[in-house]
Structure formats: C-alpha cells, structure tokens
C-alpha atoms as a PDB file:
ATOM      1  CA  MET A   1     158.085  67.288 126.351  1.00  0.00           C
ATOM      2  CA  ILE A   2     160.946  69.575 125.379  1.00  0.00           C
ATOM      3  CA  ARG A   3     158.631  71.588 123.124  1.00  0.00           C
ATOM      4  CA  PHE A   4     156.199  72.189 125.979  1.00  0.00           C
ATOM      5  CA  ALA A   5     159.079  73.279 128.217  1.00  0.00           C
ATOM      6  CA  LEU A   6     160.307  75.767 125.635  1.00  0.00           C
ATOM      7  CA  PHE A   7     156.783  77.059 125.142  1.00  0.00           C
ATOM      8  CA  GLY A   8     156.434  77.539 128.901  1.00  0.00           C
ATOM      9  CA  ARG A   9     159.670  79.527 129.050  1.00  0.00           C
ATOM     10  CA  ALA A  10     158.610  81.737 126.150  1.00  0.00           C
ATOM     11  CA  ALA A  11     155.263  82.408 127.799  1.00  0.00           C
ATOM     12  CA  ALA A  12     156.940  83.308 131.091  1.00  0.00           C
ATOM     13  CA  VAL A  13     159.298  85.744 129.374  1.00  0.00           C
ATOM     14  CA  ALA A  14     156.412  87.335 127.488  1.00  0.00           C
ATOM     15  CA  ILE A  15     154.416  87.795 130.704  1.00  0.00           C
ATOM     16  CA  LEU A  16     157.446  89.284 132.434  1.00  0.00           C
ATOM     17  CA  PHE A  17     158.056  91.857 129.701  1.00  0.00           C
ATOM     18  CA  SER A  18     154.372  92.715 129.397  1.00  0.00           C
ATOM     19  CA  GLY A  19     154.220  93.317 133.148  1.00  0.00           C
ATOM     20  CA  ALA A  20     157.276  95.571 133.032  1.00  0.00           C
ATOM     21  CA  PHE A  21     155.766  97.506 130.131  1.00  0.00           C
ATOM     22  CA  THR A  22     152.488  97.984 132.019  1.00  0.00           C
ATOM     23  CA  VAL A  23     154.289  99.262 135.106  1.00  0.00           C
ATOM     24  CA  SER A  24     156.325 101.778 133.054  1.00  0.00           C
ATOM     25  CA  ALA A  25     153.174 102.989 131.293  1.00  0.00           C
ATOM     26  CA  ARG A  26     151.394 103.522 134.587  1.00  0.00           C
ATOM     27  CA  ALA A  27     154.334 105.502 135.940  1.00  0.00           C
ATOM     28  CA  GLN A  28     153.227 108.489 133.842  1.00  0.00           C
ATOM     29  CA  GLU A  29     149.445 108.564 133.693  1.00  0.00           C
ATOM     30  CA  VAL A  30     147.760 110.823 131.141  1.00  0.00           C
ATOM     31  CA  SER A  31     144.276 112.270 131.269  1.00  0.00           C
ATOM     32  CA  GLU A  32     141.392 111.180 129.090  1.00  0.00           C
ATOM     33  CA  ALA A  33     141.402 114.594 127.403  1.00  0.00           C
ATOM     34  CA  GLN A  34     145.041 114.092 126.390  1.00  0.00           C
ATOM     35  CA  LEU A  35     144.322 110.598 125.077  1.00  0.00           C
ATOM     36  CA  ALA A  36     141.339 111.816 123.067  1.00  0.00           C
ATOM     37  CA  ALA A  37     143.361 114.634 121.489  1.00  0.00           C
ATOM     38  CA  ALA A  38     146.218 112.201 120.796  1.00  0.00           C
ATOM     39  CA  ARG A  39     143.858 109.726 119.090  1.00  0.00           C
ATOM     40  CA  ASP A  40     142.575 112.475 116.810  1.00  0.00           C
ATOM     41  CA  ALA A  41     146.133 113.515 115.954  1.00  0.00           C
ATOM     42  CA  ILE A  42     147.147 109.911 115.250  1.00  0.00           C
ATOM     43  CA  ALA A  43     144.103 109.393 113.022  1.00  0.00           C
ATOM     44  CA  SER A  44     144.905 112.555 111.063  1.00  0.00           C
ATOM     45  CA  LEU A  45     148.557 111.521 110.668  1.00  0.00           C
ATOM     46  CA  ASN A  46     147.838 107.864 109.803  1.00  0.00           C
ATOM     47  CA  VAL A  47     150.601 106.969 112.237  1.00  0.00           C
ATOM     48  CA  THR A  48     149.617 103.354 112.889  1.00  0.00           C
ATOM     49  CA  ASP A  49     148.541 102.425 109.348  1.00  0.00           C
ATOM     50  CA  ARG A  50     151.973 100.921 108.697  1.00  0.00           C
ATOM     51  CA  TYR A  51     151.256  98.254 111.336  1.00  0.00           C
ATOM     52  CA  ASP A  52     148.051  96.958 109.714  1.00  0.00           C
ATOM     53  CA  ASN A  53     149.800  93.979 108.117  1.00  0.00           C
ATOM     54  CA  ILE A  54     151.581  92.680 111.201  1.00  0.00           C
ATOM     55  CA  LEU A  55     148.920  90.154 112.249  1.00  0.00           C
ATOM     56  CA  PRO A  56     148.129  88.910 108.704  1.00  0.00           C
ATOM     57  CA  ASN A  57     151.826  88.449 107.961  1.00  0.00           C
ATOM     58  CA  LEU A  58     152.364  86.552 111.201  1.00  0.00           C
ATOM     59  CA  ALA A  59     149.406  84.282 110.380  1.00  0.00           C
ATOM     60  CA  GLU A  60     150.722  83.508 106.897  1.00  0.00           C
ATOM     61  CA  ARG A  61     154.179  82.768 108.238  1.00  0.00           C
ATOM     62  CA  LEU A  62     152.796  80.440 110.906  1.00  0.00           C
ATOM     63  CA  LYS A  63     150.648  78.601 108.361  1.00  0.00           C
ATOM     64  CA  ALA A  64     153.666  78.053 106.130  1.00  0.00           C
ATOM     65  CA  GLN A  65     155.636  76.576 109.038  1.00  0.00           C
ATOM     66  CA  PHE A  66     152.837  74.202 110.034  1.00  0.00           C
ATOM     67  CA  ILE A  67     152.165  73.144 106.449  1.00  0.00           C
ATOM     68  CA  GLN A  68     155.844  72.425 105.868  1.00  0.00           C
ATOM     69  CA  ALA A  69     155.853  70.144 108.901  1.00  0.00           C
ATOM     70  CA  SER A  70     152.484  68.519 108.070  1.00  0.00           C
ATOM     71  CA  PRO A  71     151.706  69.012 104.366  1.00  0.00           C
ATOM     72  CA  ASN A  72     148.745  66.596 104.435  1.00  0.00           C
ATOM     73  CA  PHE A  73     146.739  68.922 106.692  1.00  0.00           C
ATOM     74  CA  GLN A  74     147.028  72.155 104.725  1.00  0.00           C
ATOM     75  CA  GLY A  75     143.296  72.938 104.773  1.00  0.00           C
ATOM     76  CA  GLN A  76     142.878  72.327 108.488  1.00  0.00           C
ATOM     77  CA  ILE A  77     145.992  74.335 109.312  1.00  0.00           C
ATOM     78  CA  SER A  78     144.823  77.352 107.303  1.00  0.00           C
ATOM     79  CA  ASN A  79     141.376  77.307 108.899  1.00  0.00           C
ATOM     80  CA  VAL A  80     142.694  77.028 112.457  1.00  0.00           C
ATOM     81  CA  VAL A  81     145.340  79.735 112.101  1.00  0.00           C
ATOM     82  CA  ASP A  82     142.925  82.160 110.389  1.00  0.00           C
ATOM     83  CA  GLU A  83     140.363  81.542 113.108  1.00  0.00           C
ATOM     84  CA  GLN A  84     142.863  82.275 115.872  1.00  0.00           C
ATOM     85  CA  ALA A  85     144.096  85.369 114.055  1.00  0.00           C
ATOM     86  CA  LEU A  86     140.558  86.748 114.004  1.00  0.00           C
ATOM     87  CA  VAL A  87     140.294  86.077 117.729  1.00  0.00           C
ATOM     88  CA  LEU A  88     143.433  88.176 118.311  1.00  0.00           C
ATOM     89  CA  ALA A  89     142.442  90.989 115.932  1.00  0.00           C
ATOM     90  CA  PRO A  90     140.672  93.101 118.636  1.00  0.00           C
ATOM     91  CA  ARG A  91     143.995  93.421 120.440  1.00  0.00           C
ATOM     92  CA  ARG A  92     144.944  95.972 117.782  1.00  0.00           C
ATOM     93  CA  ALA A  93     143.229  98.475 120.104  1.00  0.00           C
ATOM     94  CA  ASP A  94     146.082  97.947 122.583  1.00  0.00           C
ATOM     95  CA  LEU A  95     148.573  99.264 120.017  1.00  0.00           C
ATOM     96  CA  GLU A  96     146.347 102.260 119.275  1.00  0.00           C
ATOM     97  CA  LYS A  97     146.162 103.069 122.976  1.00  0.00           C
ATOM     98  CA  GLU A  98     149.928 102.841 123.411  1.00  0.00           C
ATOM     99  CA  ALA A  99     150.471 105.121 120.413  1.00  0.00           C
ATOM    100  CA  ALA A 100     147.993 107.642 121.822  1.00  0.00           C
ATOM    101  CA  THR A 101     149.749 107.521 125.178  1.00  0.00           C
ATOM    102  CA  ILE A 102     153.117 108.219 123.561  1.00  0.00           C
ATOM    103  CA  TYR A 103     151.741 111.223 121.666  1.00  0.00           C
ATOM    104  CA  ALA A 104     149.902 112.481 124.766  1.00  0.00           C
ATOM    105  CA  LYS A 105     153.195 112.494 126.691  1.00  0.00           C
ATOM    106  CA  SER A 106     155.023 114.269 123.870  1.00  0.00           C
ATOM    107  CA  PHE A 107     152.532 117.075 123.052  1.00  0.00           C
ATOM    108  CA  SER A 108     150.084 119.191 124.968  1.00  0.00           C
ATOM    109  CA  VAL A 109     146.349 119.056 124.316  1.00  0.00           C
ATOM    110  CA  ASP A 110     146.416 122.321 122.371  1.00  0.00           C
ATOM    111  CA  GLU A 111     149.337 121.132 120.241  1.00  0.00           C
ATOM    112  CA  LEU A 112     147.570 117.867 119.473  1.00  0.00           C
ATOM    113  CA  LYS A 113     144.441 119.744 118.467  1.00  0.00           C
ATOM    114  CA  SER A 114     146.486 121.984 116.173  1.00  0.00           C
ATOM    115  CA  ILE A 115     148.049 118.922 114.552  1.00  0.00           C
ATOM    116  CA  SER A 116     144.650 117.369 113.992  1.00  0.00           C
ATOM    117  CA  THR A 117     143.205 120.586 112.598  1.00  0.00           C
ATOM    118  CA  PHE A 118     145.996 121.058 110.087  1.00  0.00           C
ATOM    119  CA  PHE A 119     146.272 117.484 108.838  1.00  0.00           C
ATOM    120  CA  ASN A 120     142.513 117.245 108.403  1.00  0.00           C
ATOM    121  CA  THR A 121     142.643 120.101 105.907  1.00  0.00           C
ATOM    122  CA  GLU A 122     143.230 119.524 102.203  1.00  0.00           C
ATOM    123  CA  THR A 123     146.735 120.920 102.540  1.00  0.00           C
ATOM    124  CA  GLY A 124     147.593 118.607 105.428  1.00  0.00           C
ATOM    125  CA  LYS A 125     146.189 115.575 103.604  1.00  0.00           C
ATOM    126  CA  LYS A 126     148.184 116.468 100.509  1.00  0.00           C
ATOM    127  CA  LEU A 127     151.326 116.762 102.604  1.00  0.00           C
ATOM    128  CA  LEU A 128     150.819 113.264 103.978  1.00  0.00           C
ATOM    129  CA  THR A 129     150.091 111.851 100.524  1.00  0.00           C
ATOM    130  CA  ASN A 130     153.051 113.465  98.807  1.00  0.00           C
ATOM    131  CA  GLN A 131     155.522 113.185 101.661  1.00  0.00           C
ATOM    132  CA  PRO A 132     157.180 109.914 100.458  1.00  0.00           C
ATOM    133  CA  LEU A 133     157.710 111.294  96.948  1.00  0.00           C
ATOM    134  CA  VAL A 134     158.955 114.616  98.315  1.00  0.00           C
ATOM    135  CA  SER A 135     161.406 112.805 100.604  1.00  0.00           C
ATOM    136  CA  ARG A 136     162.857 110.745  97.723  1.00  0.00           C
ATOM    137  CA  GLU A 137     163.285 113.803  95.520  1.00  0.00           C
ATOM    138  CA  LEU A 138     164.861 115.746  98.367  1.00  0.00           C
ATOM    139  CA  THR A 139     167.343 112.932  98.967  1.00  0.00           C
ATOM    140  CA  LYS A 140     168.383 112.950  95.298  1.00  0.00           C
ATOM    141  CA  ALA A 141     168.764 116.735  95.334  1.00  0.00           C
ATOM    142  CA  ALA A 142     170.902 116.564  98.475  1.00  0.00           C
ATOM    143  CA  GLU A 143     173.199 113.985  96.878  1.00  0.00           C
ATOM    144  CA  ILE A 144     173.680 116.136  93.759  1.00  0.00           C
ATOM    145  CA  TRP A 145     174.328 119.215  95.893  1.00  0.00           C
ATOM    146  CA  ALA A 146     176.857 117.339  98.051  1.00  0.00           C
ATOM    147  CA  ASN A 147     178.740 116.138  94.957  1.00  0.00           C
ATOM    148  CA  GLY A 148     178.967 119.679  93.584  1.00  0.00           C
ATOM    149  CA  ILE A 149     180.115 121.083  96.920  1.00  0.00           C
ATOM    150  CA  SER A 150     182.773 118.377  97.223  1.00  0.00           C
ATOM    151  CA  ARG A 151     184.055 119.072  93.696  1.00  0.00           C
ATOM    152  CA  ASP A 152     184.226 122.843  94.173  1.00  0.00           C
ATOM    153  CA  LEU A 153     185.816 122.557  97.617  1.00  0.00           C
ATOM    154  CA  THR A 154     188.550 120.319  96.209  1.00  0.00           C
ATOM    155  CA  ASN A 155     189.213 122.508  93.159  1.00  0.00           C
ATOM    156  CA  HIS A 156     189.273 125.835  95.024  1.00  0.00           C
ATOM    157  CA  SER A 157     191.450 124.516  97.831  1.00  0.00           C
ATOM    158  CA  SER A 158     193.878 122.930  95.365  1.00  0.00           C
ATOM    159  CA  GLU A 159     194.165 126.202  93.424  1.00  0.00           C
ATOM    160  CA  LYS A 160     194.860 128.269  96.553  1.00  0.00           C
ATOM    161  CA  LEU A 161     197.359 125.792  97.942  1.00  0.00           C
ATOM    162  CA  ARG A 162     199.133 125.536  94.585  1.00  0.00           C
ATOM    163  CA  GLY A 163     199.758 129.293  94.650  1.00  0.00           C
ATOM    164  CA  ILE A 164     201.102 129.137  98.198  1.00  0.00           C
ATOM    165  CA  ILE A 165     203.338 126.121  97.623  1.00  0.00           C
ATOM    166  CA  ASP A 166     204.680 127.337  94.222  1.00  0.00           C
ATOM    167  CA  ALA A 167     205.450 130.823  95.608  1.00  0.00           C
ATOM    168  CA  ASN A 168     207.550 129.345  98.392  1.00  0.00           C
ATOM    169  CA  PRO A 169     209.633 126.587  96.834  1.00  0.00           C
ATOM    170  CA  ILE A 170     211.636 124.459  99.155  1.00  0.00           C
ATOM    171  CA  GLN A 171     215.318 125.602  99.300  1.00  0.00           C
ATOM    172  CA  ALA A 172     217.919 122.924  98.673  1.00  0.00           C
ATOM    173  CA  PRO A 173     220.340 122.508 101.581  1.00  0.00           C
ATOM    174  CA  VAL A 174     223.825 124.177 101.137  1.00  0.00           C
ATOM    175  CA  VAL A 175     226.608 121.595 100.973  1.00  0.00           C
ATOM    176  CA  ASP A 176     230.314 122.409 101.808  1.00  0.00           C
ATOM    177  CA  PRO A 177     232.478 120.972  98.943  1.00  0.00           C
ATOM    178  CA  ALA A 178     235.371 120.158 101.305  1.00  0.00           C
ATOM    179  CA  SER A 179     233.200 118.266 103.706  1.00  0.00           C
ATOM    180  CA  GLU A 180     231.447 116.635 100.778  1.00  0.00           C
ATOM    181  CA  ALA A 181     234.807 115.503  99.300  1.00  0.00           C
ATOM    182  CA  GLN A 182     235.930 114.260 102.681  1.00  0.00           C
ATOM    183  CA  ALA A 183     232.733 112.364 103.086  1.00  0.00           C
ATOM    184  CA  ALA A 184     233.116 110.927  99.599  1.00  0.00           C
ATOM    185  CA  ALA A 185     236.776 109.859 100.132  1.00  0.00           C
ATOM    186  CA  PRO A 186     237.150 106.160 100.746  1.00  0.00           C
ATOM    187  CA  ALA A 187     237.960 105.222 104.293  1.00  0.00           C
ATOM    188  CA  PRO A 188     241.549 103.882 104.867  1.00  0.00           C
ATOM    189  CA  VAL A 189     241.740 100.178 104.744  1.00  0.00           C
ATOM    190  CA  LYS A 190     242.844  98.663 107.992  1.00  0.00           C
ATOM    191  CA  PRO A 191     245.591  95.953 107.740  1.00  0.00           C
ATOM    192  CA  ALA A 192     244.119  92.583 107.938  1.00  0.00           C
ATOM    193  CA  THR A 193     244.858  90.803 111.171  1.00  0.00           C
ATOM    194  CA  PRO A 194     246.974  87.681 110.459  1.00  0.00           C
ATOM    195  CA  PRO A 195     245.090  84.578 111.209  1.00  0.00           C
ATOM    196  CA  ALA A 196     246.075  82.726 114.367  1.00  0.00           C
ATOM    197  CA  PRO A 197     248.192  79.604 113.741  1.00  0.00           C
ATOM    198  CA  ALA A 198     246.073  76.609 113.536  1.00  0.00           C
ATOM    199  CA  LYS A 199     246.444  74.214 116.415  1.00  0.00           C
ATOM    200  CA  PRO A 200     247.658  70.719 115.403  1.00  0.00           C
ATOM    201  CA  ALA A 201     244.779  68.442 115.325  1.00  0.00           C
ATOM    202  CA  ALA A 202     244.981  65.670 117.852  1.00  0.00           C
ATOM    203  CA  ALA A 203     245.574  62.344 116.218  1.00  0.00           C
ATOM    204  CA  PRO A 204     242.726  60.040 116.766  1.00  0.00           C
ATOM    205  CA  ALA A 205     243.471  57.220 119.150  1.00  0.00           C
ATOM    206  CA  ALA A 206     244.304  54.030 117.320  1.00  0.00           C
ATOM    207  CA  LYS A 207     241.765  51.360 117.712  1.00  0.00           C
ATOM    208  CA  PRO A 208     243.163  48.025 118.986  1.00  0.00           C
ATOM    209  CA  ALA A 209     243.790  45.637 116.142  1.00  0.00           C
ATOM    210  CA  ALA A 210     241.368  42.841 115.916  1.00  0.00           C
ATOM    211  CA  PRO A 211     242.947  39.466 116.751  1.00  0.00           C
ATOM    212  CA  ALA A 212     244.027  37.557 113.643  1.00  0.00           C
ATOM    213  CA  ALA A 213     242.009  34.528 112.970  1.00  0.00           C
ATOM    214  CA  THR A 214     244.213  31.409 113.336  1.00  0.00           C
ATOM    215  CA  ALA A 215     243.663  28.839 110.668  1.00  0.00           C
ATOM    216  CA  PRO A 216     243.353  25.285 111.977  1.00  0.00           C
ATOM    217  CA  ALA A 217     246.695  23.322 111.665  1.00  0.00           C
ATOM    218  CA  LYS A 218     246.749  20.737 108.910  1.00  0.00           C
ATOM    219  CA  PRO A 219     247.912  17.232 109.875  1.00  0.00           C
ATOM    220  CA  ALA A 220     251.603  16.493 108.987  1.00  0.00           C
ATOM    221  CA  ALA A 221     252.210  14.532 105.849  1.00  0.00           C
ATOM    222  CA  PRO A 222     253.387  10.828 106.447  1.00  0.00           C
ATOM    223  CA  ALA A 223     257.165  10.211 106.285  1.00  0.00           C
ATOM    224  CA  ALA A 224     258.562   8.944 102.974  1.00  0.00           C
ATOM    225  CA  LYS A 225     259.269   5.205 102.789  1.00  0.00           C
ATOM    226  CA  PRO A 226     263.047   4.264 102.483  1.00  0.00           C
ATOM    227  CA  ALA A 227     264.213   3.366  98.995  1.00  0.00           C
ATOM    228  CA  PRO A 228     264.841  -0.403  98.411  1.00  0.00           C
ATOM    229  CA  ALA A 229     268.490  -1.517  98.575  1.00  0.00           C
ATOM    230  CA  PRO A 230     270.132  -2.220  95.161  1.00  0.00           C
ATOM    231  CA  ALA A 231     270.201  -5.822  94.083  1.00  0.00           C
ATOM    232  CA  PRO A 232     273.702  -7.503  94.380  1.00  0.00           C
ATOM    233  CA  ALA A 233     275.659  -7.761  91.196  1.00  0.00           C
ATOM    234  CA  PRO A 234     275.891 -11.317  89.748  1.00  0.00           C
ATOM    235  CA  LYS A 235     279.072 -13.175  90.470  1.00  0.00           C
ATOM    236  CA  PRO A 236     281.333 -14.202  87.519  1.00  0.00           C
END
C-alpha cells in the first residue's frame, strides 16, 4: 500500500512539472519555418546524438533492480522491460521537438540555414568530427602556456622588486647612548614592606572531659578471727 502511495505522489509531481513545462513552451510560440530550419541545424550539428542511450540505460538499470529483488524471474523481467522500452521509444520525438524549439528561439531562420549549410559541407563535418580531439589538445596547450606565464611573471617581478628593495635598504633607528644607558640601568629596589605582626591564634575551646568510668566496688574482706587465748601454765 505504501508503494502505491509513493508511486501516486511521483506521478502527480511528474504531471505537475510536465504541465508547467508545456505552459512555458507555449508562452513563446515559434513558426513552422523556424522549427524546420532548427531541425536541419540540429541534424547537421548532431546535437541530440548524445541522448541516444538514455532510454536503453534506464531500461538496463530497471531490469537490474527487478532482477535483484526477484532473481528467479530474470527472463520475464527482461522481456517485460524491453517491451515497455520499445513502447516509449517514439517519445524521443518530443526531445527533438524541444531541442528544435530552443534553437528556433536562439537563432533566426537565416542563421539556422547558414549553420546547416556550413556543417553539411566537408569542412563542417570535419570540424564536428575533430572537435573533441582539438578541444583536448587546446586544453593541454593552455595549461603549458599558463605554467610558462606564471613562471616568467614570478621571475621578472622578483628581479625588479629585488633591485628596488636592495637599492633602498631599511635604515636602522638612531639610538641615544645616554637614554640607552638609562634604560639599561637597573631600577632601584624598593625597601621591602615589613610583614604585619601575626595575630595570636585563638586557642581552641577545650572539649569537656568525658566522665571517668567508675569501677564497681568490691565487697569488703571478712574481719579476721581473734587469736585463741594462751593455755594456762601448769601449776607446780
């Protein structure tokens, strides 16, 4: 269900943009003569040949996605996608018409005819064929030229500036010996401020002594028994 909802949103956005594109194209209508001259110019320039592989590449990409999700149906997926791609192939004419419209708005009919006439000659065809190679070689030549210009600009400027800077050396500042000696003399040492007398530290309050533990009183020992009286001496 979510997939169908996303597909519906994508379709709505595509319809919206296609409608806006159609309205903008109709805002500047071109004549059939302009379109015909533009088509001839486009054919002579091979302008849209670079877009020939768009539909085949899209079909191959879609087949790979479907086959990855359902590898057991590779044959059916390839047949269905190729069939639908062939159904959409005639819509390539829409791109050709849009390209012709763009060229018709950019050049006059006479200019378009001149373009077609030139690029249908052997010289024009050779220019189109050799243009990629010429562009690569021109890019290399421009890089070499830029490197040489940069080197020479740096060397020449350095040489000129060296003559200017060396001819006008920077003068050292004049220093007065007296002021220099005064500046170098050590500053008088200020007498150290005697430290303030330390305040007596307050004695910490004595903690109350813990009560002494009283040992339990032992019972008093029993009184000693009186010694027995001495026996009377025997009478004579």
